[in-house]
Amino acid sequence: MTTQNTQPNPDIRIGTLVGAGMKAPEYIRQILPYGFESFSLTFWQTTKGINWQRLAAEVKEVLAGSQAVISSLGVYGNPLETGTMDKQTLQGWKEAIDHAHLFDCAIVAGFTGRKRNRPIDESLPRFKQVWTPLAKRARDKGVRIAFENCDMGGSWQTGDWNIAHNPVAWEMMFRAVPFANLGLEWEPCHQLVNLIDPMPQLQEWGKKMFHIHGKDATIYWDRVRKYGVRTSIHEDIARKSGSQGALPFAYHRTPGFGDSDWRAIISGLRMVGFKGSIDIEGWHDPVMKGELEMTGQVAALKYLKQCRGDFVPNPTV
C-alpha cells in the first residue's frame, strides 16, 4: 500500500468515483491510503434519504489530515422528464447544488436529461426550461455544472438520459442556456467508442471542461474494418453465437490499459488552463474487474500520476 498524497497543491488531481450513499465515508477511508487525491461522490438518479450534513461531516472527518478533496458531486438521471424518478433526479440536482459547499466543493455533475426516444433537438426547449433556473441557482452559490458526455446507448434520433454526447448538441445547449458556469464533465472513452479522436475535441472545447472522468477505451480496428460498427452485441451472447463479427468493436478500459495517450491529454488540459480533477471511473473494464477492480484502479492512479508528473518547486535563486 502506498502513502497518502504529499504533493502540495497539484494543478491536476488524480482521484476516483465513489458511490455517494451513507457508506461512502467508510469506502473512502479504506482506499484513501492508496494515494487518491480527490473523490467524486456520485448518486444514481436520486438523493432521497441522504442526510447531507451528516454525510459531509463524516467525509470531512475521513479526509482530515490528508490533502485529498471532494472534487464534485454527481447526480445521474433524467431531470427533463416528468416520471416519479425523473422528478427525484431534478430534486437531487437542486439538493446537490445547495449542499456542495458542505463538502468544500464547487462542481455538480451529471446528465442533462432528454425527452425520451425523441431527437436531441426536440429536447432543447425543455432543456432551456429546466436548466436556466438551475444554472442561476448554481451561479448564485458559486457552483459550476458539468454535463457528462456519455450517450448512454442513445443517438441523435433517440435515447434516454442525456443529450450532451455530441459537439453539435453542446453548441445548441450552451446557446440555449448561455451561462459561464455550464460546462462539461468530459471523458475520452465516450469519444473513442464513437470512433472520434478526443484530442481535437479537447483543443476546441477544453475551456468548457470542468471535470474529467478517467476512463479509456480499446478499439478493435480489425473488427471495425471487417464487420463495421453495427453488428456488436453483448460479449456473452456474442461468444455463444460463435461469430467473431458479433463481438464488440470497443471496450471501456481503465486508464493505462486502453488506447489513449494520457500524457497528451493532460498536456492538452494544461494548455487550455484546466485546473481540477481527473477522477477514475472504475467498474467498466472487462479485464480489470471483480477481484482485480482495485488493482486496476490503483494501477490507473499510478499511471495517471506518472503522466501528470509530481510537483517539484523551482529553485528560488
C-alpha atoms as a PDB file:
ATOM      1  CA  MET A   1       0.000   0.000   0.000  1.00  0.00           C
ATOM      2  CA  THR A   2       1.369   3.432  -0.915  1.00  0.00           C
ATOM      3  CA  THR A   3       1.283   6.510   1.260  1.00  0.00           C
ATOM      4  CA  GLN A   4      -1.233   9.301   1.050  1.00  0.00           C
ATOM      5  CA  ASN A   5      -0.517  12.122  -1.378  1.00  0.00           C
ATOM      6  CA  THR A   6       2.034  14.661  -0.177  1.00  0.00           C
ATOM      7  CA  GLN A   7       2.266  16.730  -3.354  1.00  0.00           C
ATOM      8  CA  PRO A   8       1.474  20.361  -2.428  1.00  0.00           C
ATOM      9  CA  ASN A   9      -1.353  21.969  -4.380  1.00  0.00           C
ATOM     10  CA  PRO A  10      -1.285  19.877  -7.569  1.00  0.00           C
ATOM     11  CA  ASP A  11      -2.809  21.716 -10.537  1.00  0.00           C
ATOM     12  CA  ILE A  12      -4.477  18.473 -11.637  1.00  0.00           C
ATOM     13  CA  ARG A  13      -5.505  15.947  -9.003  1.00  0.00           C
ATOM     14  CA  ILE A  14      -5.950  12.243  -9.685  1.00  0.00           C
ATOM     15  CA  GLY A  15      -8.802  10.562  -7.858  1.00  0.00           C
ATOM     16  CA  THR A  16     -11.730   8.209  -8.265  1.00  0.00           C
ATOM     17  CA  LEU A  17     -15.526   7.999  -8.239  1.00  0.00           C
ATOM     18  CA  VAL A  18     -17.349   6.875  -5.106  1.00  0.00           C
ATOM     19  CA  GLY A  19     -20.999   5.909  -4.852  1.00  0.00           C
ATOM     20  CA  ALA A  20     -22.390   8.570  -2.539  1.00  0.00           C
ATOM     21  CA  GLY A  21     -24.583   6.588  -0.215  1.00  0.00           C
ATOM     22  CA  MET A  22     -24.222   6.918   3.531  1.00  0.00           C
ATOM     23  CA  LYS A  23     -21.482   4.232   3.402  1.00  0.00           C
ATOM     24  CA  ALA A  24     -19.247   6.439   1.234  1.00  0.00           C
ATOM     25  CA  PRO A  25     -17.065   7.650   4.156  1.00  0.00           C
ATOM     26  CA  GLU A  26     -16.091   4.104   5.095  1.00  0.00           C
ATOM     27  CA  TYR A  27     -15.288   3.270   1.451  1.00  0.00           C
ATOM     28  CA  ILE A  28     -13.112   6.387   1.190  1.00  0.00           C
ATOM     29  CA  ARG A  29     -11.383   5.520   4.454  1.00  0.00           C
ATOM     30  CA  GLN A  30     -10.348   2.138   3.039  1.00  0.00           C
ATOM     31  CA  ILE A  31      -8.956   3.387  -0.267  1.00  0.00           C
ATOM     32  CA  LEU A  32      -7.515   6.766   0.769  1.00  0.00           C
ATOM     33  CA  PRO A  33      -4.117   5.272   1.772  1.00  0.00           C
ATOM     34  CA  TYR A  34      -3.501   4.136  -1.824  1.00  0.00           C
ATOM     35  CA  GLY A  35      -2.877   7.777  -2.750  1.00  0.00           C
ATOM     36  CA  PHE A  36      -6.114   9.011  -4.304  1.00  0.00           C
ATOM     37  CA  GLU A  37      -6.091  12.814  -4.259  1.00  0.00           C
ATOM     38  CA  SER A  38      -9.765  13.505  -4.946  1.00  0.00           C
ATOM     39  CA  PHE A  39     -13.136  11.803  -4.779  1.00  0.00           C
ATOM     40  CA  SER A  40     -16.212  12.429  -6.897  1.00  0.00           C
ATOM     41  CA  LEU A  41     -19.339  11.491  -4.918  1.00  0.00           C
ATOM     42  CA  THR A  42     -21.952  10.124  -7.317  1.00  0.00           C
ATOM     43  CA  PHE A  43     -25.687   9.482  -6.949  1.00  0.00           C
ATOM     44  CA  TRP A  44     -27.701   7.312  -9.324  1.00  0.00           C
ATOM     45  CA  GLN A  45     -30.992   9.113 -10.114  1.00  0.00           C
ATOM     46  CA  THR A  46     -31.951  10.097  -6.569  1.00  0.00           C
ATOM     47  CA  THR A  47     -30.522  11.653  -3.424  1.00  0.00           C
ATOM     48  CA  LYS A  48     -33.565  10.628  -1.415  1.00  0.00           C
ATOM     49  CA  GLY A  49     -32.681   9.545   2.109  1.00  0.00           C
ATOM     50  CA  ILE A  50     -29.358  11.391   2.183  1.00  0.00           C
ATOM     51  CA  ASN A  51     -28.557  13.327   5.333  1.00  0.00           C
ATOM     52  CA  TRP A  52     -26.332  15.939   3.724  1.00  0.00           C
ATOM     53  CA  GLN A  53     -24.939  17.431   6.911  1.00  0.00           C
ATOM     54  CA  ARG A  54     -24.045  14.027   8.339  1.00  0.00           C
ATOM     55  CA  LEU A  55     -22.539  12.755   5.084  1.00  0.00           C
ATOM     56  CA  ALA A  56     -20.406  15.874   4.666  1.00  0.00           C
ATOM     57  CA  ALA A  57     -19.230  15.776   8.277  1.00  0.00           C
ATOM     58  CA  GLU A  58     -18.266  12.103   8.076  1.00  0.00           C
ATOM     59  CA  VAL A  59     -16.462  12.571   4.735  1.00  0.00           C
ATOM     60  CA  LYS A  60     -14.525  15.541   6.109  1.00  0.00           C
ATOM     61  CA  GLU A  61     -13.560  13.514   9.164  1.00  0.00           C
ATOM     62  CA  VAL A  62     -12.146  10.753   6.959  1.00  0.00           C
ATOM     63  CA  LEU A  63     -10.214  13.244   4.806  1.00  0.00           C
ATOM     64  CA  ALA A  64      -8.806  15.167   7.773  1.00  0.00           C
ATOM     65  CA  GLY A  65      -5.018  15.134   7.784  1.00  0.00           C
ATOM     66  CA  SER A  66      -4.771  14.259   4.084  1.00  0.00           C
ATOM     67  CA  GLN A  67      -4.595  16.666   1.179  1.00  0.00           C
ATOM     68  CA  ALA A  68      -7.398  14.838  -0.646  1.00  0.00           C
ATOM     69  CA  VAL A  69     -10.563  16.745  -1.575  1.00  0.00           C
ATOM     70  CA  ILE A  70     -14.100  16.161  -2.805  1.00  0.00           C
ATOM     71  CA  SER A  71     -13.849  17.228  -6.434  1.00  0.00           C
ATOM     72  CA  SER A  72     -17.529  17.066  -7.353  1.00  0.00           C
ATOM     73  CA  LEU A  73     -20.976  15.780  -6.559  1.00  0.00           C
ATOM     74  CA  GLY A  74     -22.714  13.862  -9.338  1.00  0.00           C
ATOM     75  CA  VAL A  75     -26.421  13.211  -9.966  1.00  0.00           C
ATOM     76  CA  TYR A  76     -27.067  10.848 -12.883  1.00  0.00           C
ATOM     77  CA  GLY A  77     -30.625  10.538 -14.089  1.00  0.00           C
ATOM     78  CA  ASN A  78     -33.082  12.264 -16.427  1.00  0.00           C
ATOM     79  CA  PRO A  79     -34.209  15.615 -14.967  1.00  0.00           C
ATOM     80  CA  LEU A  80     -36.028  16.658 -18.168  1.00  0.00           C
ATOM     81  CA  GLU A  81     -38.779  14.048 -17.970  1.00  0.00           C
ATOM     82  CA  THR A  82     -41.696  14.005 -15.533  1.00  0.00           C
ATOM     83  CA  GLY A  83     -41.897  10.474 -14.118  1.00  0.00           C
ATOM     84  CA  THR A  84     -41.559   9.866 -10.382  1.00  0.00           C
ATOM     85  CA  MET A  85     -37.846   9.029 -10.530  1.00  0.00           C
ATOM     86  CA  ASP A  86     -37.185  11.850 -13.017  1.00  0.00           C
ATOM     87  CA  LYS A  87     -38.649  14.332 -10.553  1.00  0.00           C
ATOM     88  CA  GLN A  88     -36.395  12.875  -7.844  1.00  0.00           C
ATOM     89  CA  THR A  89     -33.405  13.406 -10.137  1.00  0.00           C
ATOM     90  CA  LEU A  90     -34.341  17.057 -10.627  1.00  0.00           C
ATOM     91  CA  GLN A  91     -34.756  17.466  -6.878  1.00  0.00           C
ATOM     92  CA  GLY A  92     -31.400  15.748  -6.407  1.00  0.00           C
ATOM     93  CA  TRP A  93     -29.727  18.344  -8.623  1.00  0.00           C
ATOM     94  CA  LYS A  94     -31.206  21.126  -6.526  1.00  0.00           C
ATOM     95  CA  GLU A  95     -30.065  19.488  -3.289  1.00  0.00           C
ATOM     96  CA  ALA A  96     -26.555  18.809  -4.600  1.00  0.00           C
ATOM     97  CA  ILE A  97     -26.197  22.430  -5.746  1.00  0.00           C
ATOM     98  CA  ASP A  98     -27.450  23.683  -2.385  1.00  0.00           C
ATOM     99  CA  HIS A  99     -25.194  21.402  -0.321  1.00  0.00           C
ATOM    100  CA  ALA A 100     -21.976  21.349  -2.369  1.00  0.00           C
ATOM    101  CA  HIS A 101     -20.423  23.929  -0.048  1.00  0.00           C
ATOM    102  CA  LEU A 102     -20.652  21.471   2.847  1.00  0.00           C
ATOM    103  CA  PHE A 103     -18.033  19.373   1.025  1.00  0.00           C
ATOM    104  CA  ASP A 104     -15.890  22.416   0.100  1.00  0.00           C
ATOM    105  CA  CYS A 105     -16.851  21.503  -3.446  1.00  0.00           C
ATOM    106  CA  ALA A 106     -17.883  23.779  -6.319  1.00  0.00           C
ATOM    107  CA  ILE A 107     -18.839  21.343  -9.108  1.00  0.00           C
ATOM    108  CA  VAL A 108     -22.051  19.350  -9.549  1.00  0.00           C
ATOM    109  CA  ALA A 109     -22.079  16.967 -12.496  1.00  0.00           C
ATOM    110  CA  GLY A 110     -24.405  14.581 -14.290  1.00  0.00           C
ATOM    111  CA  PHE A 111     -26.575  14.044 -17.360  1.00  0.00           C
ATOM    112  CA  THR A 112     -28.624  16.778 -18.980  1.00  0.00           C
ATOM    113  CA  GLY A 113     -31.639  14.527 -19.378  1.00  0.00           C
ATOM    114  CA  ARG A 114     -33.612  14.361 -22.630  1.00  0.00           C
ATOM    115  CA  LYS A 115     -37.096  13.818 -23.979  1.00  0.00           C
ATOM    116  CA  ARG A 116     -37.233  10.052 -24.137  1.00  0.00           C
ATOM    117  CA  ASN A 117     -36.945   8.461 -27.542  1.00  0.00           C
ATOM    118  CA  ARG A 118     -37.069  11.832 -29.309  1.00  0.00           C
ATOM    119  CA  PRO A 119     -34.356  13.573 -31.375  1.00  0.00           C
ATOM    120  CA  ILE A 120     -31.907  15.744 -29.466  1.00  0.00           C
ATOM    121  CA  ASP A 121     -33.146  18.998 -30.984  1.00  0.00           C
ATOM    122  CA  GLU A 122     -36.662  18.299 -29.652  1.00  0.00           C
ATOM    123  CA  SER A 123     -35.204  18.265 -26.113  1.00  0.00           C
ATOM    124  CA  LEU A 124     -33.789  21.796 -26.338  1.00  0.00           C
ATOM    125  CA  PRO A 125     -36.954  23.706 -25.254  1.00  0.00           C
ATOM    126  CA  ARG A 126     -37.273  21.510 -22.160  1.00  0.00           C
ATOM    127  CA  PHE A 127     -33.512  21.764 -21.572  1.00  0.00           C
ATOM    128  CA  LYS A 128     -33.784  25.547 -21.535  1.00  0.00           C
ATOM    129  CA  GLN A 129     -36.813  25.457 -19.247  1.00  0.00           C
ATOM    130  CA  VAL A 130     -35.115  23.236 -16.643  1.00  0.00           C
ATOM    131  CA  TRP A 131     -31.503  24.327 -16.824  1.00  0.00           C
ATOM    132  CA  THR A 132     -31.921  28.105 -16.906  1.00  0.00           C
ATOM    133  CA  PRO A 133     -33.120  28.260 -13.277  1.00  0.00           C
ATOM    134  CA  LEU A 134     -30.678  25.532 -12.234  1.00  0.00           C
ATOM    135  CA  ALA A 135     -27.774  27.435 -13.806  1.00  0.00           C
ATOM    136  CA  LYS A 136     -28.851  30.611 -11.971  1.00  0.00           C
ATOM    137  CA  ARG A 137     -29.232  28.678  -8.710  1.00  0.00           C
ATOM    138  CA  ALA A 138     -25.736  27.242  -9.110  1.00  0.00           C
ATOM    139  CA  ARG A 139     -24.185  30.551 -10.183  1.00  0.00           C
ATOM    140  CA  ASP A 140     -25.583  32.300  -7.120  1.00  0.00           C
ATOM    141  CA  LYS A 141     -23.942  29.673  -4.908  1.00  0.00           C
ATOM    142  CA  GLY A 142     -20.585  29.708  -6.711  1.00  0.00           C
ATOM    143  CA  VAL A 143     -21.189  26.267  -8.241  1.00  0.00           C
ATOM    144  CA  ARG A 144     -20.307  25.111 -11.748  1.00  0.00           C
ATOM    145  CA  ILE A 145     -22.402  22.492 -13.549  1.00  0.00           C
ATOM    146  CA  ALA A 146     -20.613  19.846 -15.630  1.00  0.00           C
ATOM    147  CA  PHE A 147     -22.517  17.630 -18.084  1.00  0.00           C
ATOM    148  CA  GLU A 148     -21.042  14.192 -18.760  1.00  0.00           C
ATOM    149  CA  ASN A 149     -20.558  13.332 -22.440  1.00  0.00           C
ATOM    150  CA  CYS A 150     -21.895   9.762 -22.206  1.00  0.00           C
ATOM    151  CA  ASP A 151     -24.522   8.761 -24.798  1.00  0.00           C
ATOM    152  CA  MET A 152     -25.952   6.017 -22.510  1.00  0.00           C
ATOM    153  CA  GLY A 153     -26.753   3.982 -25.617  1.00  0.00           C
ATOM    154  CA  GLY A 154     -28.601   6.833 -27.285  1.00  0.00           C
ATOM    155  CA  SER A 155     -28.122   8.584 -30.605  1.00  0.00           C
ATOM    156  CA  TRP A 156     -29.183  11.894 -32.094  1.00  0.00           C
ATOM    157  CA  GLN A 157     -32.512  10.392 -33.096  1.00  0.00           C
ATOM    158  CA  THR A 158     -33.492   8.529 -29.941  1.00  0.00           C
ATOM    159  CA  GLY A 159     -32.472   7.566 -26.423  1.00  0.00           C
ATOM    160  CA  ASP A 160     -32.782   8.400 -22.757  1.00  0.00           C
ATOM    161  CA  TRP A 161     -30.776  10.191 -20.065  1.00  0.00           C
ATOM    162  CA  ASN A 162     -28.527  12.618 -21.921  1.00  0.00           C
ATOM    163  CA  ILE A 163     -28.142  14.900 -24.929  1.00  0.00           C
ATOM    164  CA  ALA A 164     -24.621  16.150 -24.105  1.00  0.00           C
ATOM    165  CA  HIS A 165     -22.714  13.489 -26.049  1.00  0.00           C
ATOM    166  CA  ASN A 166     -22.209  15.318 -29.326  1.00  0.00           C
ATOM    167  CA  PRO A 167     -20.329  18.591 -30.035  1.00  0.00           C
ATOM    168  CA  VAL A 168     -23.232  19.824 -32.156  1.00  0.00           C
ATOM    169  CA  ALA A 169     -25.513  19.292 -29.148  1.00  0.00           C
ATOM    170  CA  TRP A 170     -23.020  21.169 -26.953  1.00  0.00           C
ATOM    171  CA  GLU A 171     -23.233  24.184 -29.240  1.00  0.00           C
ATOM    172  CA  MET A 172     -27.036  24.085 -29.106  1.00  0.00           C
ATOM    173  CA  MET A 173     -27.111  23.600 -25.315  1.00  0.00           C
ATOM    174  CA  PHE A 174     -24.757  26.435 -24.499  1.00  0.00           C
ATOM    175  CA  ARG A 175     -26.602  28.782 -26.871  1.00  0.00           C
ATOM    176  CA  ALA A 176     -29.929  27.871 -25.270  1.00  0.00           C
ATOM    177  CA  VAL A 177     -28.601  28.450 -21.737  1.00  0.00           C
ATOM    178  CA  PRO A 178     -25.618  30.815 -22.144  1.00  0.00           C
ATOM    179  CA  PHE A 179     -24.216  30.700 -18.616  1.00  0.00           C
ATOM    180  CA  ALA A 180     -20.463  30.647 -17.997  1.00  0.00           C
ATOM    181  CA  ASN A 181     -20.934  28.160 -15.145  1.00  0.00           C
ATOM    182  CA  LEU A 182     -22.329  25.486 -17.509  1.00  0.00           C
ATOM    183  CA  GLY A 183     -19.686  23.157 -18.918  1.00  0.00           C
ATOM    184  CA  LEU A 184     -18.664  19.554 -19.458  1.00  0.00           C
ATOM    185  CA  GLU A 185     -17.638  16.518 -17.467  1.00  0.00           C
ATOM    186  CA  TRP A 186     -15.504  15.139 -20.263  1.00  0.00           C
ATOM    187  CA  GLU A 187     -14.382  11.555 -20.727  1.00  0.00           C
ATOM    188  CA  PRO A 188     -12.237  10.499 -23.709  1.00  0.00           C
ATOM    189  CA  CYS A 189     -13.675   6.971 -23.595  1.00  0.00           C
ATOM    190  CA  HIS A 190     -17.027   8.195 -24.877  1.00  0.00           C
ATOM    191  CA  GLN A 191     -15.354   9.770 -27.881  1.00  0.00           C
ATOM    192  CA  LEU A 192     -13.214   6.755 -28.731  1.00  0.00           C
ATOM    193  CA  VAL A 193     -16.125   4.305 -28.709  1.00  0.00           C
ATOM    194  CA  ASN A 194     -17.757   6.578 -31.308  1.00  0.00           C
ATOM    195  CA  LEU A 195     -14.503   6.486 -33.326  1.00  0.00           C
ATOM    196  CA  ILE A 196     -13.801  10.150 -32.534  1.00  0.00           C
ATOM    197  CA  ASP A 197     -10.248  11.357 -31.890  1.00  0.00           C
ATOM    198  CA  PRO A 198     -10.529  13.045 -28.453  1.00  0.00           C
ATOM    199  CA  MET A 199      -7.561  15.384 -28.906  1.00  0.00           C
ATOM    200  CA  PRO A 200      -9.065  17.889 -31.413  1.00  0.00           C
ATOM    201  CA  GLN A 201     -12.176  17.988 -29.224  1.00  0.00           C
ATOM    202  CA  LEU A 202     -10.071  18.759 -26.161  1.00  0.00           C
ATOM    203  CA  GLN A 203      -8.349  21.608 -28.005  1.00  0.00           C
ATOM    204  CA  GLU A 204     -11.671  23.120 -29.141  1.00  0.00           C
ATOM    205  CA  TRP A 205     -13.749  22.570 -26.000  1.00  0.00           C
ATOM    206  CA  GLY A 206     -11.102  22.435 -23.277  1.00  0.00           C
ATOM    207  CA  LYS A 207     -12.139  25.684 -21.623  1.00  0.00           C
ATOM    208  CA  LYS A 208     -15.631  24.235 -21.103  1.00  0.00           C
ATOM    209  CA  MET A 209     -14.234  21.116 -19.409  1.00  0.00           C
ATOM    210  CA  PHE A 210     -14.781  21.497 -15.669  1.00  0.00           C
ATOM    211  CA  HIS A 211     -14.282  17.889 -14.558  1.00  0.00           C
ATOM    212  CA  ILE A 212     -12.627  14.865 -16.201  1.00  0.00           C
ATOM    213  CA  HIS A 213     -13.618  11.228 -15.904  1.00  0.00           C
ATOM    214  CA  GLY A 214     -10.595   8.946 -16.027  1.00  0.00           C
ATOM    215  CA  LYS A 215     -11.837   6.223 -18.330  1.00  0.00           C
ATOM    216  CA  ASP A 216     -10.339   4.963 -21.569  1.00  0.00           C
ATOM    217  CA  ALA A 217     -11.285   2.593 -24.376  1.00  0.00           C
ATOM    218  CA  THR A 218      -9.734  -0.054 -26.598  1.00  0.00           C
ATOM    219  CA  ILE A 219     -10.855  -0.146 -30.233  1.00  0.00           C
ATOM    220  CA  TYR A 220     -10.527  -3.364 -32.222  1.00  0.00           C
ATOM    221  CA  TRP A 221      -9.929  -1.798 -35.602  1.00  0.00           C
ATOM    222  CA  ASP A 222      -9.720  -5.190 -37.324  1.00  0.00           C
ATOM    223  CA  ARG A 223     -13.348  -5.831 -36.344  1.00  0.00           C
ATOM    224  CA  VAL A 224     -14.382  -2.342 -37.462  1.00  0.00           C
ATOM    225  CA  ARG A 225     -12.737  -2.800 -40.859  1.00  0.00           C
ATOM    226  CA  LYS A 226     -14.211  -6.260 -41.398  1.00  0.00           C
ATOM    227  CA  TYR A 227     -17.647  -6.033 -39.751  1.00  0.00           C
ATOM    228  CA  GLY A 228     -18.370  -2.335 -39.219  1.00  0.00           C
ATOM    229  CA  VAL A 229     -19.907  -0.994 -36.006  1.00  0.00           C
ATOM    230  CA  ARG A 230     -23.490  -2.243 -36.177  1.00  0.00           C
ATOM    231  CA  THR A 231     -23.047  -5.973 -35.571  1.00  0.00           C
ATOM    232  CA  SER A 232     -21.725  -5.819 -31.993  1.00  0.00           C
ATOM    233  CA  ILE A 233     -23.868  -7.379 -29.279  1.00  0.00           C
ATOM    234  CA  HIS A 234     -23.258  -8.208 -25.636  1.00  0.00           C
ATOM    235  CA  GLU A 235     -19.997 -10.121 -25.126  1.00  0.00           C
ATOM    236  CA  ASP A 236     -21.581 -13.208 -23.552  1.00  0.00           C
ATOM    237  CA  ILE A 237     -24.205 -13.519 -26.294  1.00  0.00           C
ATOM    238  CA  ALA A 238     -21.592 -12.923 -28.973  1.00  0.00           C
ATOM    239  CA  ARG A 239     -19.363 -15.733 -27.728  1.00  0.00           C
ATOM    240  CA  LYS A 240     -22.288 -18.150 -27.527  1.00  0.00           C
ATOM    241  CA  SER A 241     -23.148 -17.327 -31.128  1.00  0.00           C
ATOM    242  CA  GLY A 242     -19.630 -18.281 -32.175  1.00  0.00           C
ATOM    243  CA  SER A 243     -19.444 -15.298 -34.524  1.00  0.00           C
ATOM    244  CA  GLN A 244     -16.334 -13.108 -34.430  1.00  0.00           C
ATOM    245  CA  GLY A 245     -18.366 -10.456 -36.236  1.00  0.00           C
ATOM    246  CA  ALA A 246     -20.775 -10.183 -33.331  1.00  0.00           C
ATOM    247  CA  LEU A 247     -18.076  -9.320 -30.788  1.00  0.00           C
ATOM    248  CA  PRO A 248     -17.935  -5.710 -29.580  1.00  0.00           C
ATOM    249  CA  PHE A 249     -15.570  -3.488 -31.551  1.00  0.00           C
ATOM    250  CA  ALA A 250     -14.799  -1.340 -28.491  1.00  0.00           C
ATOM    251  CA  TYR A 251     -14.368  -1.857 -24.756  1.00  0.00           C
ATOM    252  CA  HIS A 252     -14.329   0.658 -21.925  1.00  0.00           C
ATOM    253  CA  ARG A 253     -10.972   0.440 -20.137  1.00  0.00           C
ATOM    254  CA  THR A 254      -9.257   1.746 -17.046  1.00  0.00           C
ATOM    255  CA  PRO A 255      -6.606   4.404 -17.887  1.00  0.00           C
ATOM    256  CA  GLY A 256      -3.290   2.766 -18.665  1.00  0.00           C
ATOM    257  CA  PHE A 257      -4.968  -0.257 -20.246  1.00  0.00           C
ATOM    258  CA  GLY A 258      -6.616   1.495 -23.217  1.00  0.00           C
ATOM    259  CA  ASP A 259      -5.627   3.319 -26.382  1.00  0.00           C
ATOM    260  CA  SER A 260      -5.384   6.923 -25.157  1.00  0.00           C
ATOM    261  CA  ASP A 261      -2.144   8.780 -24.570  1.00  0.00           C
ATOM    262  CA  TRP A 262      -2.880  10.382 -21.209  1.00  0.00           C
ATOM    263  CA  ARG A 263       0.354  12.360 -21.326  1.00  0.00           C
ATOM    264  CA  ALA A 264      -1.062  14.109 -24.381  1.00  0.00           C
ATOM    265  CA  ILE A 265      -4.475  14.526 -22.717  1.00  0.00           C
ATOM    266  CA  ILE A 266      -3.001  16.041 -19.554  1.00  0.00           C
ATOM    267  CA  SER A 267      -0.714  18.283 -21.617  1.00  0.00           C
ATOM    268  CA  GLY A 268      -3.756  19.404 -23.612  1.00  0.00           C
ATOM    269  CA  LEU A 269      -5.692  20.132 -20.425  1.00  0.00           C
ATOM    270  CA  ARG A 270      -2.824  22.204 -19.075  1.00  0.00           C
ATOM    271  CA  MET A 271      -2.555  24.114 -22.357  1.00  0.00           C
ATOM    272  CA  VAL A 272      -6.164  25.297 -22.013  1.00  0.00           C
ATOM    273  CA  GLY A 273      -5.656  26.203 -18.353  1.00  0.00           C
ATOM    274  CA  PHE A 274      -7.539  23.302 -16.765  1.00  0.00           C
ATOM    275  CA  LYS A 275      -7.142  23.053 -13.010  1.00  0.00           C
ATOM    276  CA  GLY A 276      -9.191  20.378 -11.344  1.00  0.00           C
ATOM    277  CA  SER A 277      -9.510  16.609 -11.029  1.00  0.00           C
ATOM    278  CA  ILE A 278      -9.284  13.558 -13.226  1.00  0.00           C
ATOM    279  CA  ASP A 279     -11.357  11.015 -11.317  1.00  0.00           C
ATOM    280  CA  ILE A 280     -11.083   7.379 -12.373  1.00  0.00           C
ATOM    281  CA  GLU A 281     -14.403   5.805 -13.311  1.00  0.00           C
ATOM    282  CA  GLY A 282     -13.960   2.155 -12.482  1.00  0.00           C
ATOM    283  CA  TRP A 283     -16.283  -0.844 -12.693  1.00  0.00           C
ATOM    284  CA  HIS A 284     -16.317  -0.928 -16.525  1.00  0.00           C
ATOM    285  CA  ASP A 285     -13.103  -2.668 -17.545  1.00  0.00           C
ATOM    286  CA  PRO A 286     -13.761  -6.195 -18.907  1.00  0.00           C
ATOM    287  CA  VAL A 287     -10.349  -7.395 -17.679  1.00  0.00           C
ATOM    288  CA  MET A 288      -9.590  -5.422 -14.504  1.00  0.00           C
ATOM    289  CA  LYS A 289     -12.837  -6.374 -12.815  1.00  0.00           C
ATOM    290  CA  GLY A 290     -14.116  -8.441  -9.925  1.00  0.00           C
ATOM    291  CA  GLU A 291     -11.239  -9.168  -7.570  1.00  0.00           C
ATOM    292  CA  LEU A 292      -8.959  -7.109  -9.863  1.00  0.00           C
ATOM    293  CA  GLU A 293     -11.093  -3.942  -9.668  1.00  0.00           C
ATOM    294  CA  MET A 294      -8.993  -2.044  -7.135  1.00  0.00           C
ATOM    295  CA  THR A 295      -5.799  -3.466  -8.640  1.00  0.00           C
ATOM    296  CA  GLY A 296      -6.816  -1.783 -11.884  1.00  0.00           C
ATOM    297  CA  GLN A 297      -7.817   1.478 -10.245  1.00  0.00           C
ATOM    298  CA  VAL A 298      -4.585   1.797  -8.288  1.00  0.00           C
ATOM    299  CA  ALA A 299      -2.582   0.939 -11.415  1.00  0.00           C
ATOM    300  CA  ALA A 300      -4.504   3.703 -13.207  1.00  0.00           C
ATOM    301  CA  LEU A 301      -3.824   6.085 -10.325  1.00  0.00           C
ATOM    302  CA  LYS A 302      -0.072   5.459 -10.575  1.00  0.00           C
ATOM    303  CA  TYR A 303      -0.137   5.703 -14.370  1.00  0.00           C
ATOM    304  CA  LEU A 304      -2.033   8.999 -14.414  1.00  0.00           C
ATOM    305  CA  LYS A 305       0.248  10.466 -11.751  1.00  0.00           C
ATOM    306  CA  GLN A 306       3.222   9.492 -13.898  1.00  0.00           C
ATOM    307  CA  CYS A 307       1.607  11.162 -16.926  1.00  0.00           C
ATOM    308  CA  ARG A 308       0.994  14.289 -14.847  1.00  0.00           C
ATOM    309  CA  GLY A 309       4.317  14.345 -13.060  1.00  0.00           C
ATOM    310  CA  ASP A 310       4.851  15.042  -9.372  1.00  0.00           C
ATOM    311  CA  PHE A 311       5.157  18.686  -8.430  1.00  0.00           C
ATOM    312  CA  VAL A 312       8.719  19.853  -7.768  1.00  0.00           C
ATOM    313  CA  PRO A 313       9.222  23.508  -6.729  1.00  0.00           C
ATOM    314  CA  ASN A 314      11.524  25.579  -8.889  1.00  0.00           C
ATOM    315  CA  PRO A 315      14.734  26.842  -7.279  1.00  0.00           C
ATOM    316  CA  THR A 316      14.307  30.287  -5.740  1.00  0.00           C
ATOM    317  CA  VAL A 317      17.794  31.529  -6.678  1.00  0.00           C
END
